[in-house]
Amino acid sequence: MQYMIMNYVRPDEFVGEGRPDNQPKEAWKAYTQAMIDAGVMVEGNALHPAHTGTTVRLRDGQREIADGPYADTKEHLGGYYIIEVPDLDTALDWAARNPAADSGAVEVRPVVMR
């Protein structure tokens, strides 16, 4: 089964490479490499900071555009991984190893396979 591991980091720590400033790039590289070596990584990407995003809503047939994230939150989505593992417990084990778990949050969700 595939799961998405979402890395949430505090905006004041965000450096634009999907990681907080207090988490060395090497920690993210090691985490990613461990998933590759284990054969569970399907894909993953870091994201630019939330303020670079654009939110789109359609109201009465008209497009409304707003700069920045959808909601003001304590953590912003900094990146994600798609992994393929046998079950949720295994996905949670990988999420617990995620560097974002130390100072932010890590969300795990099953991917709907088509």
C-alpha atoms as a PDB file:
ATOM      1  CA  MET A   1       0.000   0.000   0.000  1.00  0.00           C
ATOM      2  CA  GLN A   2       1.200   3.514  -0.684  1.00  0.00           C
ATOM      3  CA  TYR A   3       1.290   6.246   1.943  1.00  0.00           C
ATOM      4  CA  MET A   4       2.092   9.927   1.738  1.00  0.00           C
ATOM      5  CA  ILE A   5       4.361  11.224   4.467  1.00  0.00           C
ATOM      6  CA  MET A   6       3.914  15.002   4.740  1.00  0.00           C
ATOM      7  CA  ASN A   7       6.638  17.049   6.420  1.00  0.00           C
ATOM      8  CA  TYR A   8       5.284  20.035   8.354  1.00  0.00           C
ATOM      9  CA  VAL A   9       7.770  22.631   9.560  1.00  0.00           C
ATOM     10  CA  ARG A  10       7.412  25.894  11.460  1.00  0.00           C
ATOM     11  CA  PRO A  11       7.378  28.908   9.120  1.00  0.00           C
ATOM     12  CA  ASP A  12      10.026  30.763  11.133  1.00  0.00           C
ATOM     13  CA  GLU A  13      12.422  27.830  10.638  1.00  0.00           C
ATOM     14  CA  PHE A  14      11.669  27.242   6.976  1.00  0.00           C
ATOM     15  CA  VAL A  15      14.603  27.721   4.630  1.00  0.00           C
ATOM     16  CA  GLY A  16      12.873  26.876   1.370  1.00  0.00           C
ATOM     17  CA  GLU A  17      14.362  23.438   0.903  1.00  0.00           C
ATOM     18  CA  GLY A  18      11.609  21.536   2.670  1.00  0.00           C
ATOM     19  CA  ARG A  19      13.454  21.548   5.967  1.00  0.00           C
ATOM     20  CA  PRO A  20      13.703  23.765   9.024  1.00  0.00           C
ATOM     21  CA  ASP A  21      16.949  25.658   9.491  1.00  0.00           C
ATOM     22  CA  ASN A  22      17.758  23.700  12.673  1.00  0.00           C
ATOM     23  CA  GLN A  23      17.704  20.396  10.780  1.00  0.00           C
ATOM     24  CA  PRO A  24      20.860  19.799   8.778  1.00  0.00           C
ATOM     25  CA  LYS A  25      20.444  18.994   5.117  1.00  0.00           C
ATOM     26  CA  GLU A  26      22.435  15.841   5.844  1.00  0.00           C
ATOM     27  CA  ALA A  27      19.623  14.553   8.103  1.00  0.00           C
ATOM     28  CA  TRP A  28      17.144  14.853   5.233  1.00  0.00           C
ATOM     29  CA  LYS A  29      19.562  13.238   2.791  1.00  0.00           C
ATOM     30  CA  ALA A  30      20.165  10.342   5.196  1.00  0.00           C
ATOM     31  CA  TYR A  31      16.422   9.868   5.773  1.00  0.00           C
ATOM     32  CA  THR A  32      15.711   9.885   2.043  1.00  0.00           C
ATOM     33  CA  GLN A  33      18.608   7.528   1.324  1.00  0.00           C
ATOM     34  CA  ALA A  34      17.410   5.112   4.026  1.00  0.00           C
ATOM     35  CA  MET A  35      14.022   4.876   2.314  1.00  0.00           C
ATOM     36  CA  ILE A  36      15.672   4.376  -1.083  1.00  0.00           C
ATOM     37  CA  ASP A  37      17.981   1.695   0.342  1.00  0.00           C
ATOM     38  CA  ALA A  38      15.003  -0.068   1.958  1.00  0.00           C
ATOM     39  CA  GLY A  39      13.170  -0.041  -1.376  1.00  0.00           C
ATOM     40  CA  VAL A  40      10.109   1.773   0.008  1.00  0.00           C
ATOM     41  CA  MET A  41      10.471   5.200  -1.614  1.00  0.00           C
ATOM     42  CA  VAL A  42       8.245   5.859  -4.615  1.00  0.00           C
ATOM     43  CA  GLU A  43       8.786   9.621  -4.904  1.00  0.00           C
ATOM     44  CA  GLY A  44       9.185  12.779  -2.902  1.00  0.00           C
ATOM     45  CA  ASN A  45       9.819  16.488  -3.213  1.00  0.00           C
ATOM     46  CA  ALA A  46      10.615  19.502  -1.098  1.00  0.00           C
ATOM     47  CA  LEU A  47       8.382  22.528  -1.513  1.00  0.00           C
ATOM     48  CA  HIS A  48       9.101  26.234  -1.524  1.00  0.00           C
ATOM     49  CA  PRO A  49       7.796  28.127   1.551  1.00  0.00           C
ATOM     50  CA  ALA A  50       4.025  28.497   1.934  1.00  0.00           C
ATOM     51  CA  HIS A  51       4.097  32.229   1.185  1.00  0.00           C
ATOM     52  CA  THR A  52       5.100  31.374  -2.408  1.00  0.00           C
ATOM     53  CA  GLY A  53       1.886  29.427  -2.919  1.00  0.00           C
ATOM     54  CA  THR A  54      -1.343  30.647  -4.455  1.00  0.00           C
ATOM     55  CA  THR A  55      -4.803  29.574  -3.329  1.00  0.00           C
ATOM     56  CA  VAL A  56      -7.587  29.294  -5.900  1.00  0.00           C
ATOM     57  CA  ARG A  57     -11.310  29.209  -5.119  1.00  0.00           C
ATOM     58  CA  LEU A  58     -14.227  29.197  -7.527  1.00  0.00           C
ATOM     59  CA  ARG A  59     -17.205  31.252  -6.289  1.00  0.00           C
ATOM     60  CA  ASP A  60     -20.289  31.738  -8.438  1.00  0.00           C
ATOM     61  CA  GLY A  61     -18.281  30.741 -11.487  1.00  0.00           C
ATOM     62  CA  GLN A  62     -15.604  33.336 -10.772  1.00  0.00           C
ATOM     63  CA  ARG A  63     -12.040  32.482  -9.897  1.00  0.00           C
ATOM     64  CA  GLU A  64     -10.721  34.008  -6.672  1.00  0.00           C
ATOM     65  CA  ILE A  65      -6.957  34.079  -6.222  1.00  0.00           C
ATOM     66  CA  ALA A  66      -5.157  34.661  -2.925  1.00  0.00           C
ATOM     67  CA  ASP A  67      -1.424  34.721  -2.315  1.00  0.00           C
ATOM     68  CA  GLY A  68      -0.009  32.422   0.320  1.00  0.00           C
ATOM     69  CA  PRO A  69      -1.293  29.355   2.097  1.00  0.00           C
ATOM     70  CA  TYR A  70      -4.913  28.332   2.462  1.00  0.00           C
ATOM     71  CA  ALA A  71      -4.852  28.795   6.234  1.00  0.00           C
ATOM     72  CA  ASP A  72      -2.621  30.432   8.825  1.00  0.00           C
ATOM     73  CA  THR A  73      -1.139  27.487  10.700  1.00  0.00           C
ATOM     74  CA  LYS A  74       1.688  26.787  13.126  1.00  0.00           C
ATOM     75  CA  GLU A  75       3.403  24.483  10.631  1.00  0.00           C
ATOM     76  CA  HIS A  76       3.589  24.600   6.850  1.00  0.00           C
ATOM     77  CA  LEU A  77       3.876  21.719   4.435  1.00  0.00           C
ATOM     78  CA  GLY A  78       7.553  21.650   3.538  1.00  0.00           C
ATOM     79  CA  GLY A  79       7.611  18.550   1.391  1.00  0.00           C
ATOM     80  CA  TYR A  80       6.368  15.022   1.037  1.00  0.00           C
ATOM     81  CA  TYR A  81       7.344  11.449   0.358  1.00  0.00           C
ATOM     82  CA  ILE A  82       5.299   8.684  -1.233  1.00  0.00           C
ATOM     83  CA  ILE A  83       6.324   5.314   0.131  1.00  0.00           C
ATOM     84  CA  GLU A  84       5.117   1.801  -0.557  1.00  0.00           C
ATOM     85  CA  VAL A  85       5.009  -0.412   2.513  1.00  0.00           C
ATOM     86  CA  PRO A  86       2.882  -3.350   3.694  1.00  0.00           C
ATOM     87  CA  ASP A  87       0.832  -1.488   6.310  1.00  0.00           C
ATOM     88  CA  LEU A  88       0.170   1.664   8.329  1.00  0.00           C
ATOM     89  CA  ASP A  89       2.419   0.552  11.193  1.00  0.00           C
ATOM     90  CA  THR A  90       5.389   0.404   8.833  1.00  0.00           C
ATOM     91  CA  ALA A  91       4.494   3.821   7.386  1.00  0.00           C
ATOM     92  CA  LEU A  92       4.330   5.228  10.921  1.00  0.00           C
ATOM     93  CA  ASP A  93       7.751   3.769  11.681  1.00  0.00           C
ATOM     94  CA  TRP A  94       9.164   5.656   8.695  1.00  0.00           C
ATOM     95  CA  ALA A  95       7.307   8.827   9.716  1.00  0.00           C
ATOM     96  CA  ALA A  96       8.830   8.648  13.196  1.00  0.00           C
ATOM     97  CA  ARG A  97      12.296   8.726  11.591  1.00  0.00           C
ATOM     98  CA  ASN A  98      11.420  11.870   9.606  1.00  0.00           C
ATOM     99  CA  PRO A  99      13.541  14.878  10.659  1.00  0.00           C
ATOM    100  CA  ALA A 100      10.407  17.085  10.766  1.00  0.00           C
ATOM    101  CA  ALA A 101       9.050  14.994  13.655  1.00  0.00           C
ATOM    102  CA  ASP A 102      11.569  16.617  16.028  1.00  0.00           C
ATOM    103  CA  SER A 103      10.319  20.196  15.771  1.00  0.00           C
ATOM    104  CA  GLY A 104       7.285  20.162  13.492  1.00  0.00           C
ATOM    105  CA  ALA A 105       4.845  17.429  12.589  1.00  0.00           C
ATOM    106  CA  VAL A 106       4.617  14.515  10.202  1.00  0.00           C
ATOM    107  CA  GLU A 107       1.273  13.425   8.773  1.00  0.00           C
ATOM    108  CA  VAL A 108       0.741  10.029   7.184  1.00  0.00           C
ATOM    109  CA  ARG A 109      -2.154   9.306   4.829  1.00  0.00           C
ATOM    110  CA  PRO A 110      -2.953   6.347   2.623  1.00  0.00           C
ATOM    111  CA  VAL A 111      -2.896   7.093  -1.089  1.00  0.00           C
ATOM    112  CA  VAL A 112      -6.014   6.195  -3.085  1.00  0.00           C
ATOM    113  CA  MET A 113      -4.765   3.900  -5.822  1.00  0.00           C
ATOM    114  CA  ARG A 114      -6.524   4.090  -9.173  1.00  0.00           C
END
